[in-house]
Amino acid sequence: MTRATSSSSLTSLTASANASDTSVTAAAVADVSSTVPTMPTATSVPPAIQVRGLHVAIDGKDIIRGVDLTIPTNATVAVVGESGSGKSVTAKALSGLLPERSQTSGEYELFGEPVNLAAGERAWRTIRGTTIVWLPQDPFSSLDPLRRIGQQIADGLRKSDQSYDHRSTRDAVISLLTDVGLDPAVADAYPHELSGGMRQRVAIAAALAPQPRMLIADEPTTALDASTQQTVLDLLESLRASRHMTMLLITHDLALAVERADHLVVFHDGLVVEEGDREQVMHHPKSAYTRELLEAHAKLHVGTRTEPGKDVVIAEHVVKTFAGASVPAVDDVSLHVRAGEIVGLVGESGSGKSTVARCLVGLETPDSGSIAYVDAQGNHVAWSREQAQLVFQNPYGSLNPTMTVRRTLTEALKISGKPHDDAAIRSLMSKVGLESNLIDRKPGTLSGGQCQRVAIARALAPEPKLLVADEAVTALDANIQTHVLETMLDLRERLGLAILFISHDLDTVRRISDRIAVMWHGRIVETGTTDQVMLHPQHDYVRTLIAAMPPSLDDDTAATPTTH
């Protein structure tokens, strides 16, 4: 193998991927579990995880408030809940990944062996990375950008077996890359040279290197399009079955959980409110919160579509290439959005859709092509705050955590030259359905949906003609997604607002959009009305996306077990 993979070789590998896209001993566990009484030996196979009375506090604030949880062995278990529900905190507690300022208590058995939840980091290392491994949401952040892929996978191999020499390590790395569907040449690549789907496969290979018995996958496909998402989840399930692992799949997407898991656990407000096999949770939910999640997709009423008005923005033959890149991020893109119309822009991570958004709102300058806004007199004008505003994916990240809703909206109105008295602020809140009693609250005390509505209200302060929503509901659970989408539909109807709705999630786009444009490798490969694109797709990539969509929860096929 050559010392470095050539640029052309990596381009070929990326294109190919886009197209298809020793457990720890009981003695080691005992070192961690010295303070927990030994439980009687079970006559049957013990559960992978048995937790009783789990409490977690961080900085003195109760996050997990008495969780009892049983995870079957050799199964795929989905843990579902909105942001802040406690699902990831619980998984981190069971992996020894909580920050030092946390306090944890409860009884915990891992594959029948007691584990001390309050053990120190040195003791946890005998379990984490061997018996349990964590597959993070964003593989790019977990991979060292300065080290080659092969070196990083080799770290996990040596963690489980110090006897690996140079030759056997190299062979094992290549074997792992092959197992996850990657060319061995990827071993010599750096993370930034790979696509999002390829990086996620590398992260899976690294997680599997120490041959764990439990894999915790934390939102492993959130940023991936439907086709790549399906490929990654199929790969995980195949590897889980062939290696006789238990997989804990953490997600806010109940439809995905129902399609992929044998057993479901629903978190809400630091508690487990539902636990059971898929059929029981789907057809006989015990919790009101679970019923609300199941009904969320059916709740979204698009209503009667009004005839759109005149063009608000016209982009023609836009090209944008970033410094150091060999191919354009955006390549000859043309699109238009009309008043009172929602256009869905769909594409996988890296397809160029967010670059289009940034060009439209003046955050990036195209290398060539044109972007023009149309004023009331029909003249073509450049971008201004009054023409278009952007709503980002993460409302917690886009809002200042030290500022109240009142101060955030006051600042936005001031900058826009608008009246910013109490009446103006409350009027802005009313437009997005925010209760007036939230006016003096800070982001940290609001739900994800409330924060995103604040972000939308801030974007509406200059009274723009176009709202560009870039993955604006991706991180929200189903029922909160529905509330935010309903807000956008209402704004379109009442204000005649033009909306460019950008997402990798084709199911969400089809539910809200009048027209759809699909991006792939920087180009728009298909565009048309929602019915045209969904019912009569012309491009192979679009057909692949549609085929990969998980069934909707209001579809009778949703409860049908999927063969992987």
Protein backbone atom coordinates (compact mmCIF):
# COMPACT_ATOMS: atom_id res chain seq x y z
CA MET A 1 0.00 0.00 0.00
CA THR A 2 1.32 3.44 -0.87
CA ARG A 3 2.15 5.90 1.86
CA ALA A 4 -0.56 8.32 0.77
CA THR A 5 -3.74 7.80 -1.23
CA SER A 6 -3.90 9.90 -4.38
CA SER A 7 -6.57 12.57 -4.78
CA SER A 8 -8.04 10.81 -7.82
CA SER A 9 -8.18 7.52 -5.94
CA LEU A 10 -10.04 9.12 -3.04
CA THR A 11 -12.46 10.83 -5.41
CA SER A 12 -13.19 7.43 -6.93
CA LEU A 13 -13.66 5.89 -3.50
CA THR A 14 -16.04 8.67 -2.42
CA ALA A 15 -18.09 8.36 -5.59
CA SER A 16 -18.33 4.61 -5.10
CA ALA A 17 -19.46 4.98 -1.49
CA ASN A 18 -22.06 7.59 -2.41
CA ALA A 19 -23.44 5.38 -5.15
CA SER A 20 -23.90 2.35 -2.88
CA ASP A 21 -23.20 4.15 -0.15
CA THR A 22 -12.52 -9.39 23.28
CA SER A 23 -15.00 -8.62 25.58
CA VAL A 24 -13.71 -7.87 29.11
CA THR A 25 -13.28 -10.73 31.57
CA ALA A 26 -15.43 -11.13 34.67
CA ALA A 27 -12.38 -10.40 36.77
CA ALA A 28 -11.88 -7.06 35.05
CA VAL A 29 -15.52 -6.15 35.62
CA ALA A 30 -15.12 -7.09 39.27
CA ASP A 31 -12.41 -4.42 39.60
CA VAL A 32 -15.03 -1.84 38.69
CA SER A 33 -17.80 -3.38 40.79
CA SER A 34 -16.22 -3.82 44.20
CA THR A 35 -18.87 -1.81 46.02
CA VAL A 36 -21.93 -3.54 44.48
CA PRO A 37 -23.08 -6.87 46.01
CA THR A 38 -22.77 -9.87 43.73
CA MET A 39 -26.14 -11.02 42.40
CA PRO A 40 -27.10 -14.73 42.26
CA THR A 41 -26.11 -16.51 39.06
CA ALA A 42 -29.01 -16.64 36.62
CA THR A 43 -30.02 -19.96 35.14
CA SER A 44 -30.83 -18.31 31.79
CA VAL A 45 -28.91 -15.82 29.65
CA PRO A 46 -28.79 -12.57 31.65
CA PRO A 47 -29.86 -9.29 30.05
CA ALA A 48 -27.14 -7.18 28.52
CA ILE A 49 -28.04 -4.33 30.87
CA GLN A 50 -30.10 -4.37 34.05
CA VAL A 51 -30.51 -1.02 35.83
CA ARG A 52 -32.49 -0.32 38.98
CA GLY A 53 -33.11 3.13 40.44
CA LEU A 54 -30.65 5.07 38.28
CA HIS A 55 -30.26 8.69 39.41
CA VAL A 56 -27.94 11.20 37.74
CA ALA A 57 -27.37 14.79 38.82
CA ILE A 58 -25.07 17.22 36.99
CA ASP A 59 -23.99 20.40 38.78
CA GLY A 60 -26.58 19.57 41.43
CA LYS A 61 -29.47 19.41 38.94
CA ASP A 62 -31.40 16.13 38.72
CA ILE A 63 -31.28 14.85 35.14
CA ILE A 64 -32.23 11.18 35.54
CA ARG A 65 -34.80 10.63 38.26
CA GLY A 66 -35.05 6.93 39.05
CA VAL A 67 -34.76 4.87 35.87
CA ASP A 68 -35.34 1.10 35.79
CA LEU A 69 -34.21 -0.44 32.53
CA THR A 70 -33.69 -3.91 31.06
CA ILE A 71 -31.85 -4.34 27.74
CA PRO A 72 -32.08 -7.86 26.24
CA THR A 73 -28.92 -9.61 25.06
CA ASN A 74 -28.21 -9.98 21.33
CA ALA A 75 -30.96 -7.55 20.33
CA THR A 76 -31.34 -4.11 18.76
CA VAL A 77 -32.93 -1.76 21.28
CA ALA A 78 -33.98 1.78 20.35
CA VAL A 79 -33.96 4.50 23.01
CA VAL A 80 -36.29 7.29 21.91
CA GLY A 81 -36.84 10.77 23.31
CA GLU A 82 -36.56 14.45 22.55
CA SER A 83 -33.45 16.51 23.22
CA GLY A 84 -33.03 16.82 26.99
CA SER A 85 -35.19 13.79 27.80
CA GLY A 86 -32.27 11.93 29.41
CA LYS A 87 -31.66 9.20 26.85
CA SER A 88 -28.03 10.12 26.07
CA VAL A 89 -27.23 10.95 29.71
CA THR A 90 -28.43 7.47 30.72
CA ALA A 91 -26.32 5.81 28.02
CA LYS A 92 -23.28 7.83 29.10
CA ALA A 93 -23.85 6.86 32.73
CA LEU A 94 -23.83 3.19 31.70
CA SER A 95 -20.59 3.75 29.77
CA GLY A 96 -18.72 5.82 32.35
CA LEU A 97 -18.72 8.88 30.10
CA LEU A 98 -20.40 11.43 32.39
CA PRO A 99 -18.42 14.55 33.38
CA GLU A 100 -16.60 14.59 36.71
CA ARG A 101 -19.10 17.08 38.15
CA SER A 102 -21.90 14.50 37.94
CA GLN A 103 -23.26 12.35 40.76
CA THR A 104 -24.61 8.89 39.89
CA SER A 105 -26.34 6.20 41.96
CA GLY A 106 -28.28 2.99 41.37
CA GLU A 107 -27.68 -0.72 40.76
CA TYR A 108 -26.19 -1.76 37.44
CA GLU A 109 -25.49 -5.22 36.01
CA LEU A 110 -23.67 -5.65 32.72
CA PHE A 111 -24.15 -9.09 31.15
CA GLY A 112 -24.94 -10.44 34.61
CA GLU A 113 -21.94 -8.87 36.37
CA PRO A 114 -22.42 -6.00 38.86
CA VAL A 115 -20.78 -2.68 37.97
CA ASN A 116 -20.07 0.26 40.27
CA LEU A 117 -21.63 3.34 38.65
CA ALA A 118 -19.49 5.62 40.82
CA ALA A 119 -16.19 4.01 39.77
CA GLY A 120 -13.32 6.21 38.65
CA GLU A 121 -12.10 6.69 35.11
CA ARG A 122 -9.23 4.21 35.48
CA ALA A 123 -11.65 1.44 36.44
CA TRP A 124 -14.14 2.32 33.69
CA ARG A 125 -11.42 1.88 31.06
CA THR A 126 -11.48 -1.89 31.72
CA ILE A 127 -15.06 -1.89 30.36
CA ARG A 128 -15.42 1.05 28.02
CA GLY A 129 -13.84 0.41 24.65
CA THR A 130 -13.89 -3.34 25.20
CA THR A 131 -17.23 -4.63 26.56
CA ILE A 132 -19.05 -1.39 25.66
CA VAL A 133 -18.14 0.97 22.81
CA TRP A 134 -19.71 4.30 21.91
CA LEU A 135 -20.43 5.25 18.29
CA PRO A 136 -20.86 9.05 18.26
CA GLN A 137 -23.34 11.11 16.25
CA ASP A 138 -20.67 13.05 14.37
CA PRO A 139 -17.78 10.82 13.26
CA PHE A 140 -15.81 13.83 12.04
CA SER A 141 -15.53 15.19 15.59
CA SER A 142 -14.47 11.81 16.98
CA LEU A 143 -11.75 11.19 14.39
CA ASP A 144 -8.35 12.87 14.74
CA PRO A 145 -7.96 15.09 11.63
CA LEU A 146 -4.16 14.82 11.79
CA ARG A 147 -3.90 11.03 11.79
CA ARG A 148 -4.58 8.52 9.03
CA ILE A 149 -7.64 6.29 9.27
CA GLY A 150 -5.62 3.09 9.66
CA GLN A 151 -3.72 4.46 12.65
CA GLN A 152 -6.95 5.36 14.43
CA ILE A 153 -8.55 1.95 13.89
CA ALA A 154 -5.35 0.30 15.10
CA ASP A 155 -5.74 2.07 18.47
CA GLY A 156 -8.87 0.01 19.20
CA LEU A 157 -7.19 -3.23 18.18
CA ARG A 158 -4.30 -2.69 20.57
CA LYS A 159 -6.69 -1.71 23.35
CA SER A 160 -8.19 -5.20 23.33
CA ASP A 161 -5.04 -7.16 22.48
CA GLN A 162 -1.51 -5.89 23.08
CA SER A 163 0.01 -8.78 21.10
CA TYR A 164 -0.70 -7.17 17.71
CA ASP A 165 2.53 -6.56 15.77
CA HIS A 166 2.85 -4.28 12.75
CA ARG A 167 1.86 -6.92 10.16
CA SER A 168 -1.08 -8.39 12.09
CA THR A 169 -2.36 -4.90 12.92
CA ARG A 170 -2.25 -3.92 9.24
CA ASP A 171 -4.12 -7.09 8.24
CA ALA A 172 -6.76 -6.56 10.96
CA VAL A 173 -7.32 -2.93 9.92
CA ILE A 174 -7.84 -3.95 6.30
CA SER A 175 -10.22 -6.72 7.42
CA LEU A 176 -12.28 -4.24 9.45
CA LEU A 177 -12.44 -1.75 6.57
CA THR A 178 -13.60 -4.55 4.29
CA ASP A 179 -16.25 -5.59 6.84
CA VAL A 180 -17.77 -2.10 6.74
CA GLY A 181 -17.69 -1.95 2.95
CA LEU A 182 -14.67 0.31 2.45
CA ASP A 183 -11.69 -0.09 0.14
CA PRO A 184 -8.46 -0.94 2.02
CA ALA A 185 -6.89 2.20 0.50
CA VAL A 186 -9.01 4.24 2.93
CA ALA A 187 -6.51 3.22 5.65
CA ASP A 188 -4.08 5.80 4.24
CA ALA A 189 -6.64 8.61 3.97
CA TYR A 190 -7.33 11.44 6.41
CA PRO A 191 -10.89 12.05 7.71
CA HIS A 192 -11.42 15.23 5.67
CA GLU A 193 -10.80 13.29 2.45
CA LEU A 194 -13.85 11.08 2.99
CA SER A 195 -17.59 11.64 2.58
CA GLY A 196 -19.94 11.72 5.56
CA GLY A 197 -21.11 8.17 4.92
CA MET A 198 -17.52 6.91 4.58
CA ARG A 199 -16.50 8.61 7.84
CA GLN A 200 -19.43 6.95 9.62
CA ARG A 201 -18.27 3.56 8.32
CA VAL A 202 -14.75 4.29 9.56
CA ALA A 203 -16.19 5.15 12.99
CA ILE A 204 -18.06 1.82 12.97
CA ALA A 205 -14.86 -0.05 12.06
CA ALA A 206 -12.99 1.69 14.90
CA ALA A 207 -15.80 0.87 17.34
CA LEU A 208 -15.76 -2.81 16.34
CA ALA A 209 -11.96 -3.15 16.58
CA PRO A 210 -11.95 -4.30 20.24
CA GLN A 211 -14.75 -6.84 19.56
CA PRO A 212 -17.29 -5.36 21.99
CA ARG A 213 -20.41 -7.10 23.29
CA MET A 214 -22.42 -3.86 23.47
CA LEU A 215 -22.51 -1.08 20.85
CA ILE A 216 -24.16 2.22 21.78
CA ALA A 217 -24.96 4.22 18.65
CA ASP A 218 -25.91 7.82 19.49
CA GLU A 219 -27.99 9.30 16.63
CA PRO A 220 -25.61 7.62 14.13
CA THR A 221 -27.46 8.75 10.99
CA THR A 222 -28.88 12.18 11.91
CA ALA A 223 -26.89 14.10 9.28
CA LEU A 224 -27.21 11.48 6.52
CA ASP A 225 -29.70 11.33 3.67
CA ALA A 226 -32.21 8.47 3.51
CA SER A 227 -30.15 6.30 1.17
CA THR A 228 -26.91 6.59 3.14
CA GLN A 229 -28.88 6.27 6.39
CA GLN A 230 -30.37 2.99 5.22
CA THR A 231 -26.95 1.68 4.13
CA VAL A 232 -25.34 2.54 7.49
CA LEU A 233 -28.20 1.06 9.53
CA ASP A 234 -28.25 -2.10 7.41
CA LEU A 235 -24.51 -2.40 7.98
CA LEU A 236 -24.85 -1.94 11.74
CA GLU A 237 -27.59 -4.56 11.98
CA SER A 238 -25.65 -7.04 9.86
CA LEU A 239 -22.52 -6.61 11.98
CA ARG A 240 -24.53 -6.78 15.20
CA ALA A 241 -26.08 -10.09 14.18
CA SER A 242 -22.88 -11.66 12.83
CA ARG A 243 -20.89 -10.67 15.93
CA HIS A 244 -23.68 -11.52 18.41
CA MET A 245 -23.68 -8.03 19.88
CA THR A 246 -26.35 -6.01 21.61
CA MET A 247 -26.97 -2.61 20.00
CA LEU A 248 -28.46 0.39 21.79
CA LEU A 249 -29.72 2.80 19.11
CA ILE A 250 -30.32 6.29 20.52
CA THR A 251 -32.61 8.39 18.34
CA HIS A 252 -35.30 11.09 18.38
CA ASP A 253 -36.89 9.52 15.28
CA LEU A 254 -39.64 7.14 16.39
CA ALA A 255 -40.35 5.99 12.82
CA LEU A 256 -36.73 4.91 12.43
CA ALA A 257 -36.81 3.21 15.84
CA VAL A 258 -39.95 1.26 14.97
CA GLU A 259 -38.46 0.12 11.68
CA ARG A 260 -35.10 -0.95 13.09
CA ALA A 261 -35.50 -2.13 16.68
CA ASP A 262 -36.83 -5.27 18.37
CA HIS A 263 -37.36 -3.48 21.68
CA LEU A 264 -38.26 0.17 22.35
CA VAL A 265 -37.55 2.42 25.35
CA VAL A 266 -39.16 5.87 25.47
CA PHE A 267 -37.64 8.62 27.63
CA HIS A 268 -39.37 11.81 28.75
CA ASP A 269 -38.23 14.34 31.35
CA GLY A 270 -35.57 12.08 32.88
CA LEU A 271 -37.80 9.02 33.20
CA VAL A 272 -38.58 5.89 31.19
CA VAL A 273 -42.26 6.30 30.33
CA GLU A 274 -42.56 3.26 28.03
CA GLU A 275 -40.62 0.04 27.52
CA GLY A 276 -41.52 -3.05 25.56
CA ASP A 277 -41.27 -4.94 22.30
CA ARG A 278 -42.04 -3.11 19.07
CA GLU A 279 -45.56 -4.49 18.57
CA GLN A 280 -46.64 -3.68 22.12
CA VAL A 281 -45.35 -0.09 21.98
CA MET A 282 -46.77 0.52 18.48
CA HIS A 283 -50.25 -0.91 19.04
CA HIS A 284 -50.78 -0.74 22.80
CA PRO A 285 -48.81 2.24 24.17
CA LYS A 286 -49.30 2.83 27.88
CA SER A 287 -47.92 6.36 28.07
CA ALA A 288 -49.71 9.49 26.88
CA TYR A 289 -46.35 10.84 25.70
CA THR A 290 -45.76 7.75 23.52
CA ARG A 291 -49.23 8.13 22.03
CA GLU A 292 -48.39 11.77 21.25
CA LEU A 293 -45.21 10.73 19.45
CA LEU A 294 -47.06 8.08 17.44
CA GLU A 295 -49.71 10.59 16.39
CA ALA A 296 -47.24 13.36 15.51
CA HIS A 297 -46.89 12.52 11.81
CA ALA A 298 -50.65 12.33 11.30
CA LYS A 299 -51.11 15.68 13.06
CA LEU A 300 -49.41 17.76 10.37
CA HIS A 301 -52.14 19.27 8.23
CA VAL A 302 -50.77 20.92 5.10
CA GLY A 303 -54.21 22.30 4.32
CA THR A 304 -55.37 23.75 1.03
CA ARG A 305 -52.40 24.90 -1.01
CA THR A 306 -52.86 28.44 -2.24
CA GLU A 307 -51.66 29.61 -5.62
CA PRO A 308 -48.15 31.06 -5.14
CA GLY A 309 -47.40 34.67 -6.00
CA LYS A 310 -44.55 36.21 -7.95
CA ASP A 311 -40.89 35.23 -7.68
CA VAL A 312 -39.17 36.45 -4.51
CA VAL A 313 -35.69 35.19 -5.38
CA ILE A 314 -34.13 33.94 -8.61
CA ALA A 315 -30.78 32.13 -8.62
CA GLU A 316 -29.24 31.31 -11.98
CA HIS A 317 -26.19 29.13 -12.79
CA VAL A 318 -24.63 29.63 -9.33
CA VAL A 319 -21.13 28.15 -8.88
CA LYS A 320 -19.12 28.14 -5.63
CA THR A 321 -15.76 26.42 -5.11
CA PHE A 322 -13.98 26.71 -1.77
CA ALA A 323 -10.22 27.25 -1.50
CA GLY A 324 -8.29 23.99 -1.68
CA ALA A 325 -11.25 22.02 -3.07
CA SER A 326 -10.86 20.13 -6.33
CA VAL A 327 -14.59 20.22 -7.21
CA PRO A 328 -17.25 22.92 -6.73
CA ALA A 329 -19.47 22.76 -3.64
CA VAL A 330 -22.24 24.23 -5.80
CA ASP A 331 -22.11 23.56 -9.54
CA ASP A 332 -24.43 25.43 -11.94
CA VAL A 333 -27.44 25.62 -9.61
CA SER A 334 -30.56 27.49 -10.68
CA LEU A 335 -33.74 27.78 -8.61
CA HIS A 336 -36.49 30.22 -7.73
CA VAL A 337 -38.95 30.60 -4.84
CA ARG A 338 -42.28 32.42 -5.06
CA ALA A 339 -44.31 34.29 -2.46
CA GLY A 340 -46.54 31.96 -0.42
CA GLU A 341 -44.60 28.90 -1.56
CA ILE A 342 -42.47 26.32 0.26
CA VAL A 343 -39.68 24.80 -1.82
CA GLY A 344 -37.90 21.79 -0.34
CA LEU A 345 -34.19 21.47 -1.13
CA VAL A 346 -33.08 17.90 -0.43
CA GLY A 347 -29.61 16.36 -0.40
CA GLU A 348 -27.14 14.36 1.64
CA SER A 349 -24.45 15.90 3.81
CA GLY A 350 -21.91 17.54 1.49
CA SER A 351 -24.29 17.83 -1.46
CA GLY A 352 -24.05 21.63 -1.46
CA LYS A 353 -27.49 22.57 -0.14
CA SER A 354 -26.21 24.56 2.87
CA THR A 355 -23.76 26.41 0.62
CA VAL A 356 -26.71 27.41 -1.56
CA ALA A 357 -28.45 28.71 1.58
CA ARG A 358 -25.41 30.75 2.61
CA CYS A 359 -25.12 32.24 -0.88
CA LEU A 360 -28.79 33.24 -0.83
CA VAL A 361 -28.44 35.19 2.44
CA GLY A 362 -25.12 36.86 1.65
CA LEU A 363 -22.89 34.72 3.88
CA GLU A 364 -21.02 33.39 0.82
CA THR A 365 -20.31 35.04 -2.53
CA PRO A 366 -20.77 32.87 -5.63
CA ASP A 367 -17.81 32.56 -8.00
CA SER A 368 -20.17 32.94 -10.93
CA GLY A 369 -23.86 33.05 -11.70
CA SER A 370 -26.40 35.43 -10.20
CA ILE A 371 -28.76 35.74 -7.24
CA ALA A 372 -31.45 38.41 -7.47
CA TYR A 373 -34.33 39.38 -5.21
CA VAL A 374 -37.44 40.94 -6.71
CA ASP A 375 -38.85 44.08 -5.06
CA ALA A 376 -42.44 45.30 -5.11
CA GLN A 377 -41.87 47.11 -8.41
CA GLY A 378 -40.44 44.00 -10.05
CA ASN A 379 -36.85 45.27 -9.99
CA HIS A 380 -33.98 42.87 -9.34
CA VAL A 381 -32.10 43.88 -6.18
CA ALA A 382 -29.27 42.46 -4.06
CA TRP A 383 -29.75 40.63 -0.75
CA SER A 384 -30.62 42.66 2.33
CA ARG A 385 -32.06 41.82 5.74
CA GLU A 386 -35.48 42.76 4.43
CA GLN A 387 -35.16 40.27 1.56
CA ALA A 388 -34.12 37.01 3.26
CA GLN A 389 -33.24 35.57 6.66
CA LEU A 390 -31.69 32.25 7.69
CA VAL A 391 -32.88 29.85 10.43
CA PHE A 392 -30.13 27.48 11.56
CA GLN A 393 -30.31 23.79 12.49
CA ASN A 394 -29.45 24.06 16.18
CA PRO A 395 -31.55 26.66 18.02
CA TYR A 396 -29.53 26.28 21.23
CA GLY A 397 -26.34 27.02 19.29
CA SER A 398 -27.79 29.98 17.37
CA LEU A 399 -29.32 31.74 20.40
CA ASN A 400 -27.24 33.56 23.02
CA PRO A 401 -27.71 31.51 26.23
CA THR A 402 -27.36 34.62 28.43
CA MET A 403 -30.12 36.59 26.68
CA THR A 404 -33.84 36.35 27.41
CA VAL A 405 -36.42 36.07 24.64
CA ARG A 406 -37.23 39.75 25.19
CA ARG A 407 -33.62 40.85 24.75
CA THR A 408 -33.03 38.57 21.73
CA LEU A 409 -36.04 39.94 19.87
CA THR A 410 -35.41 43.53 20.98
CA GLU A 411 -31.91 43.36 19.48
CA ALA A 412 -33.23 41.86 16.22
CA LEU A 413 -35.90 44.59 15.88
CA LYS A 414 -33.39 47.36 16.68
CA ILE A 415 -30.90 46.15 14.05
CA SER A 416 -33.73 46.02 11.52
CA GLY A 417 -34.80 49.58 12.29
CA LYS A 418 -38.21 48.44 13.53
CA PRO A 419 -40.14 49.54 16.64
CA HIS A 420 -38.90 47.45 19.56
CA ASP A 421 -41.31 48.22 22.36
CA ASP A 422 -43.11 45.55 24.38
CA ALA A 423 -46.05 45.43 21.97
CA ALA A 424 -43.77 44.83 18.97
CA ILE A 425 -41.95 42.02 20.78
CA ARG A 426 -45.18 40.31 21.82
CA SER A 427 -46.55 40.67 18.29
CA LEU A 428 -43.45 38.92 16.93
CA MET A 429 -43.86 36.12 19.48
CA SER A 430 -47.52 35.75 18.54
CA LYS A 431 -46.60 35.25 14.86
CA VAL A 432 -44.76 32.04 15.72
CA GLY A 433 -47.13 30.83 18.43
CA LEU A 434 -44.91 31.62 21.43
CA GLU A 435 -46.75 32.18 24.71
CA SER A 436 -46.22 35.68 26.11
CA ASN A 437 -45.22 34.29 29.53
CA LEU A 438 -41.96 33.07 27.96
CA ILE A 439 -40.77 36.60 27.23
CA ASP A 440 -38.29 36.75 30.13
CA ARG A 441 -37.01 33.18 29.83
CA LYS A 442 -33.53 32.20 28.61
CA PRO A 443 -32.85 29.43 26.04
CA GLY A 444 -31.70 26.97 28.69
CA THR A 445 -35.18 26.98 30.26
CA LEU A 446 -37.04 26.45 26.98
CA SER A 447 -37.77 23.28 25.01
CA GLY A 448 -36.12 22.64 21.64
CA GLY A 449 -39.30 23.58 19.81
CA GLN A 450 -39.71 26.81 21.80
CA CYS A 451 -36.09 27.75 21.09
CA GLN A 452 -36.55 27.15 17.37
CA ARG A 453 -39.67 29.34 17.38
CA VAL A 454 -37.64 32.10 19.04
CA ALA A 455 -35.05 31.70 16.26
CA ILE A 456 -37.82 31.96 13.64
CA ALA A 457 -39.30 35.03 15.38
CA ARG A 458 -35.85 36.66 15.36
CA ALA A 459 -35.54 35.92 11.63
CA LEU A 460 -38.96 37.53 11.03
CA ALA A 461 -37.96 40.79 12.76
CA PRO A 462 -36.85 42.55 9.50
CA GLU A 463 -40.06 41.32 7.81
CA PRO A 464 -38.20 39.34 5.14
CA LYS A 465 -39.89 38.04 2.01
CA LEU A 466 -37.92 34.76 2.12
CA LEU A 467 -37.16 32.48 5.08
CA VAL A 468 -34.33 30.00 4.49
CA ALA A 469 -34.67 27.12 6.97
CA ASP A 470 -31.46 25.04 6.94
CA GLU A 471 -32.13 21.66 8.62
CA ALA A 472 -34.35 23.61 11.03
CA VAL A 473 -36.13 20.56 12.52
CA THR A 474 -33.46 17.87 12.15
CA ALA A 475 -32.50 17.74 15.85
CA LEU A 476 -36.09 17.80 17.16
CA ASP A 477 -38.27 14.83 18.07
CA ALA A 478 -41.39 14.06 16.03
CA ASN A 479 -44.05 15.98 17.95
CA ILE A 480 -41.86 19.11 18.33
CA GLN A 481 -40.96 18.87 14.63
CA THR A 482 -44.66 18.91 13.86
CA HIS A 483 -45.24 22.07 15.92
CA VAL A 484 -42.39 23.90 14.15
CA LEU A 485 -43.53 22.73 10.71
CA GLU A 486 -47.08 23.86 11.47
CA THR A 487 -45.64 27.26 12.42
CA MET A 488 -43.97 27.50 9.00
CA LEU A 489 -47.14 26.47 7.19
CA ASP A 490 -49.08 29.08 9.13
CA LEU A 491 -46.55 31.81 8.25
CA ARG A 492 -46.82 30.90 4.59
CA GLU A 493 -50.61 31.11 4.70
CA ARG A 494 -50.98 34.27 6.83
CA LEU A 495 -47.99 36.31 5.66
CA GLY A 496 -47.52 35.01 2.14
CA LEU A 497 -43.95 34.17 3.19
CA ALA A 498 -41.69 32.34 0.74
CA ILE A 499 -39.78 29.50 2.44
CA LEU A 500 -36.79 27.49 1.23
CA PHE A 501 -36.87 24.39 3.43
CA ILE A 502 -33.51 22.59 3.36
CA SER A 503 -33.21 19.04 4.68
CA HIS A 504 -31.66 15.63 4.11
CA ASP A 505 -34.98 14.09 5.25
CA LEU A 506 -37.15 13.52 2.19
CA ASP A 507 -40.12 12.38 4.29
CA THR A 508 -40.28 15.71 6.13
CA VAL A 509 -39.78 17.66 2.90
CA ARG A 510 -42.63 15.88 1.13
CA ARG A 511 -45.01 16.70 3.99
CA ILE A 512 -44.45 20.44 3.88
CA SER A 513 -43.29 21.44 0.38
CA ASP A 514 -45.13 22.64 -2.72
CA ARG A 515 -42.10 21.91 -4.90
CA ILE A 516 -38.95 19.82 -4.37
CA ALA A 517 -35.42 20.22 -5.74
CA VAL A 518 -32.93 17.40 -5.15
CA MET A 519 -29.17 18.09 -4.94
CA TRP A 520 -26.39 15.56 -5.52
CA HIS A 521 -22.68 16.32 -5.84
CA GLY A 522 -23.31 20.08 -5.98
CA ARG A 523 -25.95 19.95 -8.72
CA ILE A 524 -29.74 19.96 -8.77
CA VAL A 525 -30.53 16.64 -10.44
CA GLU A 526 -34.32 16.81 -10.26
CA THR A 527 -37.00 19.41 -9.58
CA GLY A 528 -40.78 19.49 -9.79
CA THR A 529 -43.96 19.58 -7.74
CA THR A 530 -43.98 17.37 -4.67
CA ASP A 531 -46.28 14.86 -6.37
CA GLN A 532 -44.16 14.80 -9.53
CA VAL A 533 -40.93 14.09 -7.67
CA MET A 534 -42.39 11.62 -5.17
CA LEU A 535 -44.65 9.68 -7.57
CA HIS A 536 -42.68 9.90 -10.82
CA PRO A 537 -38.97 10.38 -10.02
CA GLN A 538 -36.73 10.66 -13.08
CA HIS A 539 -33.20 10.43 -11.62
CA ASP A 540 -31.70 7.22 -10.20
CA TYR A 541 -30.49 9.01 -7.06
CA VAL A 542 -33.99 10.34 -6.36
CA ARG A 543 -35.49 6.88 -6.85
CA THR A 544 -32.92 5.51 -4.39
CA LEU A 545 -33.85 8.16 -1.81
CA ILE A 546 -37.55 7.40 -2.11
CA ALA A 547 -36.99 3.64 -1.86
CA ALA A 548 -34.87 4.15 1.29
CA MET A 549 -37.48 6.22 3.16
CA PRO A 550 -38.65 4.53 6.39
CA PRO A 551 -42.42 3.95 6.55
CA SER A 552 -44.45 6.70 8.19
CA LEU A 553 -46.01 5.92 11.54
CA ASP A 554 -49.46 6.64 10.15
CA ASP A 555 -48.86 3.97 7.49
CA ASP A 556 -50.18 0.46 8.15
CA THR A 557 -46.86 -0.95 6.97
CA ALA A 558 -44.96 0.83 9.72
CA ALA A 559 -45.49 -1.97 12.22
CA THR A 560 -44.44 -4.69 9.80
CA PRO A 561 -41.08 -6.13 10.90
CA THR A 562 -38.29 -5.34 8.45
CA THR A 563 -35.90 -8.05 7.32
CA HIS A 564 -32.34 -6.73 7.37
